[in-house]
Protein backbone atom coordinates (compact mmCIF):
# COMPACT_ATOMS: atom_id res chain seq x y z
CA MET A 1 118.51 -131.36 1.95
CA GLY A 2 119.26 -131.22 5.67
CA ILE A 3 117.63 -129.14 8.36
CA ARG A 4 116.18 -125.71 7.79
CA MET A 5 115.13 -123.03 10.25
CA LYS A 6 111.71 -121.54 9.60
CA THR A 7 112.60 -118.03 10.66
CA ASP A 8 109.18 -116.75 9.59
CA ALA A 9 107.35 -118.85 12.20
CA SER A 10 107.60 -116.14 14.87
CA VAL A 11 104.15 -116.93 16.35
CA ILE A 12 102.87 -120.46 16.85
CA THR A 13 99.29 -121.46 17.60
CA ASN A 14 97.76 -124.72 18.76
CA SER A 15 96.12 -125.09 15.35
CA GLU A 16 99.53 -124.91 13.68
CA VAL A 17 101.08 -127.47 16.03
CA THR A 18 98.10 -129.80 15.52
CA CYS A 19 98.44 -129.44 11.75
CA PHE A 20 102.16 -130.26 11.85
CA ARG A 21 101.59 -133.28 14.10
CA SER A 22 98.95 -134.56 11.69
CA CYS A 23 101.04 -134.16 8.52
CA PRO A 24 104.22 -132.11 7.95
CA GLN A 25 103.36 -131.77 4.24
CA LYS A 26 99.95 -130.32 5.11
CA HIS A 27 101.72 -127.85 7.42
CA GLU A 28 104.04 -126.88 4.58
CA TYR A 29 101.12 -126.04 2.30
CA ARG A 30 99.04 -124.30 4.96
CA TYR A 31 101.59 -122.35 6.99
CA GLU A 32 104.62 -121.97 4.73
CA GLN A 33 102.94 -121.58 1.33
CA LEU A 34 99.84 -120.00 2.93
CA LEU A 35 97.36 -122.06 0.93
CA ARG A 36 93.79 -122.35 2.21
CA PRO A 37 90.67 -124.06 0.84
CA LEU A 38 88.16 -121.81 -0.89
CA ARG A 39 85.35 -123.70 0.82
CA VAL A 40 85.28 -124.94 4.40
CA THR A 41 83.68 -128.19 5.51
CA PRO A 42 80.05 -128.08 6.71
CA SER A 43 81.19 -129.02 10.23
CA LEU A 44 83.70 -126.16 10.39
CA GLU A 45 81.19 -123.74 8.89
CA TYR A 46 78.60 -124.69 11.53
CA GLY A 47 81.12 -124.30 14.33
CA THR A 48 82.08 -120.83 13.09
CA ARG A 49 78.44 -119.72 13.04
CA PHE A 50 77.86 -121.20 16.51
CA HIS A 51 80.87 -119.32 17.89
CA LYS A 52 79.67 -116.07 16.31
CA ALA A 53 76.23 -116.47 17.88
CA LEU A 54 77.75 -116.96 21.34
CA GLU A 55 80.15 -114.06 20.82
CA GLN A 56 77.15 -111.79 20.10
CA PHE A 57 75.27 -113.29 23.07
CA TYR A 58 78.02 -112.57 25.60
CA LYS A 59 78.71 -109.11 24.18
CA GLY A 60 75.05 -108.23 24.63
CA GLU A 61 74.54 -107.75 20.90
CA PRO A 62 71.59 -108.98 18.81
CA VAL A 63 72.16 -112.63 17.90
CA THR A 64 71.79 -112.92 14.13
CA GLU A 65 71.11 -116.69 14.22
CA PRO A 66 69.32 -117.33 17.55
CA ASP A 67 68.12 -120.79 16.46
CA LEU A 68 71.74 -121.98 16.60
CA ILE A 69 71.84 -121.51 20.38
CA HIS A 70 68.19 -122.29 21.23
CA GLY A 71 68.03 -123.71 24.75
CA TYR A 72 71.51 -122.46 25.62
CA ARG A 73 72.26 -121.83 29.31
CA ARG A 74 74.55 -118.91 30.09
CA VAL A 75 77.82 -119.69 31.89
CA SER A 76 77.54 -118.15 35.35
CA GLY A 77 79.85 -115.36 36.50
CA ASP A 78 80.93 -111.93 35.38
CA VAL A 79 82.24 -111.62 31.83
CA VAL A 80 85.91 -110.62 31.87
CA ALA A 81 86.63 -110.91 28.14
CA VAL A 82 85.05 -112.15 24.91
CA GLU A 83 87.15 -113.36 21.96
CA GLN A 84 90.38 -112.22 23.63
CA GLU A 85 93.69 -112.78 21.87
CA VAL A 86 96.57 -113.74 24.14
CA ALA A 87 100.27 -114.43 23.66
CA GLN A 88 103.11 -115.67 25.86
CA ARG A 89 106.83 -116.11 25.30
CA VAL A 90 107.78 -119.64 26.39
CA GLY A 91 111.40 -120.60 25.92
CA GLU A 92 112.48 -119.44 22.46
CA PHE A 93 108.93 -119.30 21.06
CA THR A 94 105.90 -117.05 21.16
CA PHE A 95 102.64 -118.95 21.44
CA ALA A 96 99.32 -117.27 20.75
CA GLY A 97 95.62 -118.01 20.62
CA LYS A 98 92.14 -116.60 20.96
CA LEU A 99 90.00 -117.31 24.05
CA ASP A 100 86.28 -117.59 23.39
CA LEU A 101 85.30 -116.26 26.81
CA VAL A 102 86.77 -115.53 30.25
CA VAL A 103 84.47 -115.37 33.29
CA LYS A 104 84.99 -114.57 36.95
CA GLN A 105 83.12 -116.68 39.49
CA GLU A 106 84.88 -117.22 42.81
CA ARG A 107 87.86 -117.85 40.57
CA ILE A 108 88.68 -116.97 36.97
CA TYR A 109 87.93 -119.50 34.26
CA ILE A 110 88.50 -119.72 30.52
CA VAL A 111 85.37 -120.84 28.65
CA GLU A 112 85.82 -122.80 25.44
CA HIS A 113 82.76 -123.19 23.19
CA LYS A 114 82.57 -126.46 21.26
CA THR A 115 80.19 -128.34 18.97
CA THR A 116 80.37 -132.08 18.47
CA SER A 117 78.55 -135.01 16.91
CA SER A 118 79.83 -137.29 19.68
CA SER A 119 77.95 -138.18 22.83
CA ILE A 120 78.41 -135.68 25.66
CA ASP A 121 76.71 -137.83 28.28
CA PRO A 122 78.53 -138.12 31.62
CA GLY A 123 81.29 -140.70 31.38
CA SER A 124 81.47 -140.56 27.59
CA MET A 125 84.83 -140.71 25.82
CA TYR A 126 84.40 -137.08 24.72
CA TRP A 127 85.32 -135.81 28.19
CA GLU A 128 88.33 -138.12 28.51
CA GLN A 129 89.65 -136.80 25.20
CA ALA A 130 88.93 -133.22 26.27
CA TYR A 131 90.92 -133.68 29.47
CA HIS A 132 93.99 -134.58 27.38
CA SER A 133 93.47 -131.80 24.83
CA SER A 134 96.63 -129.85 24.02
CA GLN A 135 94.44 -126.85 23.19
CA LEU A 136 93.16 -126.57 26.77
CA THR A 137 96.59 -126.88 28.37
CA MET A 138 97.99 -124.31 25.92
CA TYR A 139 95.20 -121.88 26.85
CA ARG A 140 96.07 -122.34 30.53
CA MET A 141 99.66 -121.49 29.64
CA LEU A 142 98.58 -118.42 27.64
CA TYR A 143 96.27 -117.18 30.40
CA PRO A 144 97.85 -118.32 33.70
CA GLU A 145 95.45 -116.25 35.82
CA ALA A 146 92.76 -118.87 35.08
CA ASP A 147 92.14 -121.78 37.44
CA GLY A 148 90.68 -124.06 34.79
CA VAL A 149 88.76 -124.29 31.54
CA ILE A 150 84.99 -124.67 31.33
CA LEU A 151 84.08 -126.68 28.24
CA ASP A 152 80.77 -125.32 26.95
CA VAL A 153 79.59 -127.97 24.49
CA GLN A 154 76.64 -128.38 22.13
CA GLN A 155 75.76 -131.84 20.79
CA LYS A 156 74.74 -130.91 17.27
CA ARG A 157 72.09 -133.51 16.51
CA SER A 158 70.17 -133.33 19.79
CA LYS A 159 70.96 -129.65 20.56
CA LYS A 160 71.80 -130.74 24.10
CA TYR A 161 74.33 -128.71 26.07
CA ALA A 162 76.88 -129.53 28.75
CA GLN A 163 79.25 -127.35 30.74
CA VAL A 164 82.12 -129.17 32.44
CA LEU A 165 85.11 -127.74 34.29
CA ILE A 166 88.43 -129.24 33.20
CA SER A 167 91.26 -128.78 35.71
CA HIS A 168 94.91 -129.80 35.49
CA SER A 169 97.56 -130.05 38.19
CA ALA A 170 100.71 -127.96 38.09
CA ASP A 171 102.70 -131.07 37.15
CA GLN A 172 100.36 -131.83 34.25
CA LEU A 173 100.63 -128.28 32.93
CA GLU A 174 104.43 -128.42 33.18
CA ARG A 175 104.55 -131.69 31.24
CA ALA A 176 102.19 -130.25 28.63
CA LYS A 177 104.42 -127.19 28.29
CA GLU A 178 107.51 -129.33 27.68
CA THR A 179 105.63 -131.45 25.11
CA LEU A 180 104.47 -128.30 23.34
CA LEU A 181 108.01 -126.92 23.23
CA ASP A 182 109.26 -130.22 21.82
CA TRP A 183 106.72 -130.09 18.99
CA ALA A 184 107.45 -126.40 18.36
CA ARG A 185 111.15 -127.19 17.91
CA LYS A 186 110.33 -129.99 15.47
CA LEU A 187 108.07 -127.59 13.59
CA ARG A 188 110.59 -124.75 13.49
CA TYR A 189 113.68 -126.84 12.71
CA SER A 190 112.08 -129.60 10.67
CA LEU A 191 113.45 -131.70 7.86
CA ILE A 192 112.00 -131.26 4.38
CA PRO A 193 108.27 -131.99 4.94
CA VAL A 194 107.13 -135.60 4.68
CA ARG A 195 103.61 -136.56 3.67
CA ASN A 196 101.67 -138.66 6.18
CA THR A 197 99.29 -140.69 4.00
CA ASP A 198 97.38 -141.86 7.10
CA ALA A 199 96.11 -138.27 7.39
CA CYS A 200 94.77 -138.03 3.83
CA PHE A 201 91.26 -138.86 5.09
CA SER A 202 89.70 -137.91 8.42
CA TRP A 203 86.12 -138.76 9.37
CA ASN A 204 85.55 -139.90 5.75
CA THR A 205 86.59 -136.45 4.52
CA PRO A 206 89.62 -135.96 2.24
CA CYS A 207 92.38 -133.59 3.25
CA GLU A 208 92.00 -130.14 1.69
CA PHE A 209 95.41 -130.63 0.01
CA LEU A 210 94.89 -134.17 -1.33
CA ALA A 211 94.69 -132.99 -4.96
CA MET A 212 97.76 -130.81 -4.40
CA CYS A 213 99.76 -133.76 -3.11
CA GLU A 214 98.71 -136.13 -5.85
CA GLY A 215 98.56 -133.89 -8.87
CA GLY A 216 100.06 -130.54 -7.99
CA THR A 217 96.84 -128.65 -8.76
CA THR A 218 95.84 -125.63 -6.68
CA ASP A 219 92.22 -125.77 -7.84
CA GLY A 220 89.93 -125.04 -4.92
CA LEU A 221 92.68 -123.26 -2.99
CA ARG A 222 93.38 -119.60 -2.27
CA LYS A 223 96.41 -117.66 -1.02
CA ALA A 224 96.13 -116.35 2.53
CA THR A 225 97.51 -112.96 3.55
CA ARG A 226 99.10 -114.22 6.79
CA ARG A 227 99.90 -117.39 8.69
CA HIS A 228 97.18 -117.10 11.34
CA GLU A 229 94.02 -115.63 9.89
CA GLU A 230 92.13 -116.22 13.12
CA LEU A 231 94.31 -113.64 14.92
CA ASP A 232 94.00 -109.87 14.51
CA THR A 233 95.89 -108.00 17.25
CA VAL A 234 98.41 -110.82 17.74
CA ARG A 235 98.72 -111.67 14.11
CA GLY A 236 100.74 -112.95 11.23
CA GLY A 237 101.36 -109.37 10.12
CA SER A 238 102.91 -110.38 6.81
CA PRO A 239 103.16 -113.55 4.76
CA HIS A 240 106.46 -114.26 6.50
CA GLY A 241 105.93 -113.55 10.14
CA ALA A 242 104.07 -111.79 12.89
CA ASP A 243 103.90 -108.47 14.68
CA VAL A 244 103.32 -109.25 18.33
CA GLY A 245 104.75 -106.23 20.13
CA GLU A 246 105.68 -106.76 23.78
CA VAL A 247 104.91 -110.37 24.74
CA PRO A 248 105.19 -111.35 28.42
CA GLU A 249 107.41 -114.20 29.53
CA TYR A 250 105.50 -117.24 30.74
CA GLU A 251 105.12 -117.65 34.47
CA ASP A 252 102.80 -119.69 36.67
CA ARG A 253 100.92 -116.98 38.57
CA ARG A 254 99.05 -119.26 40.94
CA ALA A 255 99.76 -119.06 44.66
CA PRO A 256 102.27 -121.54 46.07
CA GLY A 257 100.93 -124.57 47.90
CA CYS A 258 98.79 -127.43 46.64
CA ALA A 259 100.17 -129.20 43.57
CA GLY A 260 96.58 -129.74 42.47
CA CYS A 261 95.20 -126.21 42.44
CA GLY A 262 98.00 -124.07 43.89
CA ARG A 263 95.70 -122.49 46.50
CA HIS A 264 95.70 -124.63 49.65
CA ASP A 265 98.52 -124.35 52.17
CA GLY A 266 99.96 -126.80 54.66
CA GLY A 267 100.67 -129.60 52.21
CA VAL A 268 97.00 -130.28 51.46
CA LEU A 269 96.47 -131.91 48.06
CA CYS A 270 93.01 -131.50 46.56
């Protein structure tokens, strides 16, 4: 058996890393065999529609489902980009993703739209979990011009909204980068995939590949055309890889100084 190199994994996204961390066997089905469920969960379907409504809103287009964002408060600042795909070469890997929104206030911020069934009240666990999200630190790595990420969240049941700025220090971002590289190496040079049975059910919902694992049936599954269907310009251009063109090397573009925000001089730590 031994170790194999997944030479086709030329672009890696946060979704792929999260999938591998959850269950290597699920990653094998989803990203190596390119299997996808024919039907998405209601929660995922709602989130997709919510994102589309906000994409139309910030592009100044007619919103096809305005009730989804009733009561929504626009993020302040000038719109820099909407649904922007970004990629960075970090170490031996190319990481990529899609930013929901980028705005310029006094500084530049990434805006990440989210929906949740959890409480978004101040002090709730949702914000603690968000602060430690690998997705947010990866987006900071992919778009180093940004000074933070504004989480733009809808609580689905109450239709309440919250917008909270999540900031990380330079040291935190460096540690997150090293952790991401460690997981990427495990993903790329992994052993034959092992099933994690603790991941067969999440939030009382069975894994999309449960029947595949237990009976070998592909009923309810389809074959994808590329690894990362969410990406278009930075994309899995074939079933076995990606066409990313010229990808910049990662660098921290913040000004030298404060370890907290990189902007203050004279040893001040914010």
